[in-house]
Amino acid sequence: MDDDLNKIKLTAGHMHEGCDRAYMLSSMFDEFLLQHPAVMRTPELKEKAETISDALGDFYQASGQAMADFDEQSDIVVDVKKLLGDE
């Protein structure tokens, strides 16, 4: 793929979408895994799931702050290949 095609100028829409996806993933993890009886009744799994849930919640909060702080005029450009480790 041409290097120019790998670069995306971030917009407020990207920031909102990223925050929304963080919320969705956090909510789904809590609802479908953290609350599962097998996880809730296995202390080791419960502890790890709670740690992951806390990290997802922190990420959601950070993405919300990044969205609030975002300035579309900042000309932020992301190299997608670098971001995904496909260099």
N, C-alpha and C. Protein backbone atom coordinates (compact mmCIF):
# COMPACT_ATOMS: atom_id res chain seq x y z
N MET A 1 0.84 -1.17 0.00
CA MET A 1 0.00 0.00 0.00
C MET A 1 0.89 1.24 0.00
N ASP A 2 0.51 2.22 -0.75
CA ASP A 2 1.24 3.47 -0.83
C ASP A 2 1.26 4.16 0.53
N ASP A 3 2.43 4.70 0.94
CA ASP A 3 2.56 5.34 2.25
C ASP A 3 1.54 6.45 2.47
N ASP A 4 1.21 7.20 1.43
CA ASP A 4 0.23 8.28 1.58
C ASP A 4 -1.16 7.74 1.93
N LEU A 5 -1.47 6.54 1.48
CA LEU A 5 -2.77 5.94 1.79
C LEU A 5 -2.83 5.46 3.23
N ASN A 6 -1.69 5.31 3.88
CA ASN A 6 -1.64 4.84 5.26
C ASN A 6 -1.81 5.96 6.26
N LYS A 7 -1.89 7.19 5.80
CA LYS A 7 -1.98 8.32 6.72
C LYS A 7 -3.40 8.87 6.72
N ILE A 8 -3.89 9.07 7.93
CA ILE A 8 -5.25 9.55 8.11
C ILE A 8 -5.21 10.80 8.98
N LYS A 9 -5.85 11.86 8.54
CA LYS A 9 -5.97 13.06 9.37
C LYS A 9 -7.13 12.82 10.34
N LEU A 10 -6.82 12.87 11.62
CA LEU A 10 -7.85 12.65 12.62
C LEU A 10 -8.85 13.79 12.61
N THR A 11 -10.11 13.42 12.80
CA THR A 11 -11.18 14.40 12.89
C THR A 11 -11.91 14.20 14.21
N ALA A 12 -12.78 15.13 14.54
CA ALA A 12 -13.60 14.99 15.75
C ALA A 12 -14.44 13.72 15.67
N GLY A 13 -14.86 13.35 14.47
CA GLY A 13 -15.63 12.12 14.28
C GLY A 13 -14.83 10.88 14.66
N HIS A 14 -13.55 10.85 14.29
CA HIS A 14 -12.70 9.73 14.69
C HIS A 14 -12.60 9.64 16.20
N MET A 15 -12.41 10.80 16.83
CA MET A 15 -12.26 10.82 18.29
C MET A 15 -13.53 10.33 18.97
N HIS A 16 -14.68 10.76 18.48
CA HIS A 16 -15.96 10.32 19.05
C HIS A 16 -16.14 8.82 18.86
N GLU A 17 -15.82 8.35 17.67
CA GLU A 17 -15.97 6.92 17.37
C GLU A 17 -15.06 6.08 18.26
N GLY A 18 -13.82 6.52 18.46
CA GLY A 18 -12.90 5.79 19.33
C GLY A 18 -13.41 5.72 20.76
N CYS A 19 -13.93 6.82 21.25
CA CYS A 19 -14.48 6.86 22.61
C CYS A 19 -15.70 5.94 22.71
N ASP A 20 -16.56 6.00 21.71
CA ASP A 20 -17.75 5.15 21.69
C ASP A 20 -17.38 3.66 21.69
N ARG A 21 -16.39 3.30 20.90
CA ARG A 21 -15.96 1.90 20.85
C ARG A 21 -15.35 1.46 22.17
N ALA A 22 -14.63 2.36 22.83
CA ALA A 22 -14.09 2.04 24.15
C ALA A 22 -15.23 1.76 25.13
N TYR A 23 -16.28 2.58 25.06
CA TYR A 23 -17.45 2.38 25.93
C TYR A 23 -18.13 1.03 25.63
N MET A 24 -18.32 0.76 24.35
CA MET A 24 -18.98 -0.49 23.96
C MET A 24 -18.20 -1.70 24.46
N LEU A 25 -16.89 -1.69 24.26
CA LEU A 25 -16.07 -2.83 24.66
C LEU A 25 -16.09 -2.99 26.18
N SER A 26 -15.96 -1.90 26.89
CA SER A 26 -15.98 -1.95 28.35
C SER A 26 -17.33 -2.49 28.85
N SER A 27 -18.41 -1.99 28.29
CA SER A 27 -19.75 -2.43 28.68
C SER A 27 -19.96 -3.91 28.38
N MET A 28 -19.55 -4.34 27.20
CA MET A 28 -19.72 -5.74 26.81
C MET A 28 -18.88 -6.65 27.71
N PHE A 29 -17.65 -6.24 27.99
CA PHE A 29 -16.79 -7.05 28.86
C PHE A 29 -17.45 -7.23 30.22
N ASP A 30 -17.93 -6.14 30.80
CA ASP A 30 -18.55 -6.21 32.12
C ASP A 30 -19.82 -7.07 32.11
N GLU A 31 -20.66 -6.85 31.10
CA GLU A 31 -21.94 -7.55 31.05
C GLU A 31 -21.80 -9.04 30.74
N PHE A 32 -20.95 -9.37 29.77
CA PHE A 32 -20.91 -10.75 29.28
C PHE A 32 -19.80 -11.60 29.87
N LEU A 33 -18.78 -11.00 30.46
CA LEU A 33 -17.69 -11.80 31.00
C LEU A 33 -17.52 -11.59 32.50
N LEU A 34 -17.39 -10.36 32.93
CA LEU A 34 -17.18 -10.09 34.35
C LEU A 34 -18.35 -10.63 35.18
N GLN A 35 -19.56 -10.51 34.68
CA GLN A 35 -20.74 -10.95 35.42
C GLN A 35 -21.08 -12.43 35.22
N HIS A 36 -20.29 -13.13 34.43
CA HIS A 36 -20.55 -14.55 34.16
C HIS A 36 -20.30 -15.36 35.44
N PRO A 37 -21.18 -16.31 35.75
CA PRO A 37 -21.02 -17.09 36.98
C PRO A 37 -19.67 -17.82 37.09
N ALA A 38 -19.16 -18.31 35.98
CA ALA A 38 -17.87 -19.02 36.02
C ALA A 38 -16.75 -18.08 36.43
N VAL A 39 -16.85 -16.83 36.01
CA VAL A 39 -15.83 -15.84 36.39
C VAL A 39 -16.06 -15.38 37.82
N MET A 40 -17.29 -15.08 38.15
CA MET A 40 -17.61 -14.56 39.49
C MET A 40 -17.30 -15.57 40.59
N ARG A 41 -17.38 -16.86 40.28
CA ARG A 41 -17.16 -17.89 41.31
C ARG A 41 -15.77 -18.52 41.27
N THR A 42 -14.89 -18.00 40.42
CA THR A 42 -13.51 -18.48 40.37
C THR A 42 -12.63 -17.29 40.75
N PRO A 43 -12.12 -17.29 42.00
CA PRO A 43 -11.40 -16.12 42.50
C PRO A 43 -10.29 -15.60 41.58
N GLU A 44 -9.50 -16.48 41.00
CA GLU A 44 -8.41 -16.04 40.13
C GLU A 44 -8.95 -15.35 38.88
N LEU A 45 -9.99 -15.94 38.28
CA LEU A 45 -10.60 -15.33 37.09
C LEU A 45 -11.27 -14.00 37.44
N LYS A 46 -11.97 -13.99 38.57
CA LYS A 46 -12.66 -12.77 38.99
C LYS A 46 -11.66 -11.63 39.19
N GLU A 47 -10.55 -11.92 39.84
CA GLU A 47 -9.54 -10.88 40.08
C GLU A 47 -8.97 -10.34 38.77
N LYS A 48 -8.66 -11.25 37.84
CA LYS A 48 -8.12 -10.82 36.55
C LYS A 48 -9.17 -10.04 35.75
N ALA A 49 -10.41 -10.51 35.77
CA ALA A 49 -11.48 -9.82 35.04
C ALA A 49 -11.71 -8.43 35.61
N GLU A 50 -11.65 -8.29 36.93
CA GLU A 50 -11.83 -6.98 37.55
C GLU A 50 -10.68 -6.04 37.16
N THR A 51 -9.47 -6.57 37.07
CA THR A 51 -8.32 -5.77 36.65
C THR A 51 -8.51 -5.28 35.21
N ILE A 52 -8.96 -6.19 34.35
CA ILE A 52 -9.21 -5.83 32.95
C ILE A 52 -10.34 -4.81 32.87
N SER A 53 -11.40 -5.02 33.62
CA SER A 53 -12.52 -4.09 33.62
C SER A 53 -12.08 -2.70 34.06
N ASP A 54 -11.26 -2.64 35.10
CA ASP A 54 -10.75 -1.34 35.56
C ASP A 54 -9.91 -0.67 34.48
N ALA A 55 -9.07 -1.47 33.80
CA ALA A 55 -8.22 -0.91 32.73
C ALA A 55 -9.07 -0.41 31.56
N LEU A 56 -10.11 -1.15 31.20
CA LEU A 56 -11.00 -0.70 30.13
C LEU A 56 -11.74 0.58 30.53
N GLY A 57 -12.15 0.66 31.78
CA GLY A 57 -12.80 1.87 32.26
C GLY A 57 -11.86 3.06 32.23
N ASP A 58 -10.61 2.84 32.64
CA ASP A 58 -9.60 3.90 32.58
C ASP A 58 -9.36 4.34 31.14
N PHE A 59 -9.30 3.37 30.22
CA PHE A 59 -9.10 3.70 28.82
C PHE A 59 -10.27 4.52 28.28
N TYR A 60 -11.47 4.14 28.64
CA TYR A 60 -12.66 4.89 28.22
C TYR A 60 -12.59 6.33 28.72
N GLN A 61 -12.22 6.50 29.99
CA GLN A 61 -12.10 7.84 30.55
C GLN A 61 -11.03 8.65 29.82
N ALA A 62 -9.89 8.01 29.55
CA ALA A 62 -8.80 8.68 28.83
C ALA A 62 -9.23 9.05 27.42
N SER A 63 -9.97 8.16 26.75
CA SER A 63 -10.41 8.47 25.38
C SER A 63 -11.43 9.60 25.39
N GLY A 64 -12.26 9.65 26.43
CA GLY A 64 -13.21 10.76 26.56
C GLY A 64 -12.49 12.08 26.77
N GLN A 65 -11.43 12.06 27.58
CA GLN A 65 -10.65 13.28 27.80
C GLN A 65 -9.94 13.70 26.51
N ALA A 66 -9.38 12.71 25.79
CA ALA A 66 -8.71 13.01 24.52
C ALA A 66 -9.70 13.60 23.53
N MET A 67 -10.92 13.09 23.53
CA MET A 67 -11.95 13.61 22.63
C MET A 67 -12.29 15.05 23.02
N ALA A 68 -12.41 15.31 24.31
CA ALA A 68 -12.74 16.66 24.78
C ALA A 68 -11.61 17.65 24.46
N ASP A 69 -10.37 17.18 24.54
CA ASP A 69 -9.22 18.04 24.30
C ASP A 69 -8.87 18.20 22.82
N PHE A 70 -9.45 17.36 21.98
CA PHE A 70 -9.07 17.33 20.57
C PHE A 70 -9.40 18.64 19.86
N ASP A 71 -8.47 19.09 19.07
CA ASP A 71 -8.64 20.28 18.25
C ASP A 71 -8.42 19.87 16.80
N GLU A 72 -9.48 19.87 16.01
CA GLU A 72 -9.37 19.42 14.63
C GLU A 72 -8.38 20.24 13.82
N GLN A 73 -8.07 21.42 14.26
CA GLN A 73 -7.11 22.26 13.54
C GLN A 73 -5.67 21.88 13.85
N SER A 74 -5.46 20.88 14.69
CA SER A 74 -4.10 20.53 15.12
C SER A 74 -3.30 19.78 14.06
N ASP A 75 -3.96 19.37 12.98
CA ASP A 75 -3.29 18.65 11.90
C ASP A 75 -2.61 17.37 12.38
N ILE A 76 -3.23 16.68 13.32
CA ILE A 76 -2.70 15.40 13.77
C ILE A 76 -2.90 14.40 12.64
N VAL A 77 -1.83 13.70 12.27
CA VAL A 77 -1.90 12.69 11.24
C VAL A 77 -1.34 11.41 11.83
N VAL A 78 -2.03 10.31 11.61
CA VAL A 78 -1.61 9.03 12.14
C VAL A 78 -1.15 8.15 11.00
N ASP A 79 0.01 7.54 11.16
CA ASP A 79 0.49 6.55 10.20
C ASP A 79 -0.10 5.21 10.64
N VAL A 80 -1.11 4.75 9.91
CA VAL A 80 -1.85 3.55 10.28
C VAL A 80 -0.95 2.32 10.35
N LYS A 81 -0.04 2.17 9.39
CA LYS A 81 0.86 1.02 9.41
C LYS A 81 1.68 1.01 10.70
N LYS A 82 2.19 2.14 11.09
CA LYS A 82 2.99 2.24 12.31
C LYS A 82 2.12 1.94 13.52
N LEU A 83 0.91 2.48 13.53
CA LEU A 83 -0.01 2.28 14.63
C LEU A 83 -0.33 0.80 14.83
N LEU A 84 -0.50 0.08 13.73
CA LEU A 84 -0.83 -1.34 13.79
C LEU A 84 0.40 -2.25 13.82
N GLY A 85 1.59 -1.65 13.78
CA GLY A 85 2.81 -2.45 13.82
C GLY A 85 3.08 -3.19 12.53
N ASP A 86 2.57 -2.70 11.42
CA ASP A 86 2.76 -3.37 10.12
C ASP A 86 3.85 -2.72 9.29
N GLU A 87 4.86 -2.20 9.94
CA GLU A 87 5.91 -1.49 9.18
C GLU A 87 6.73 -2.45 8.37
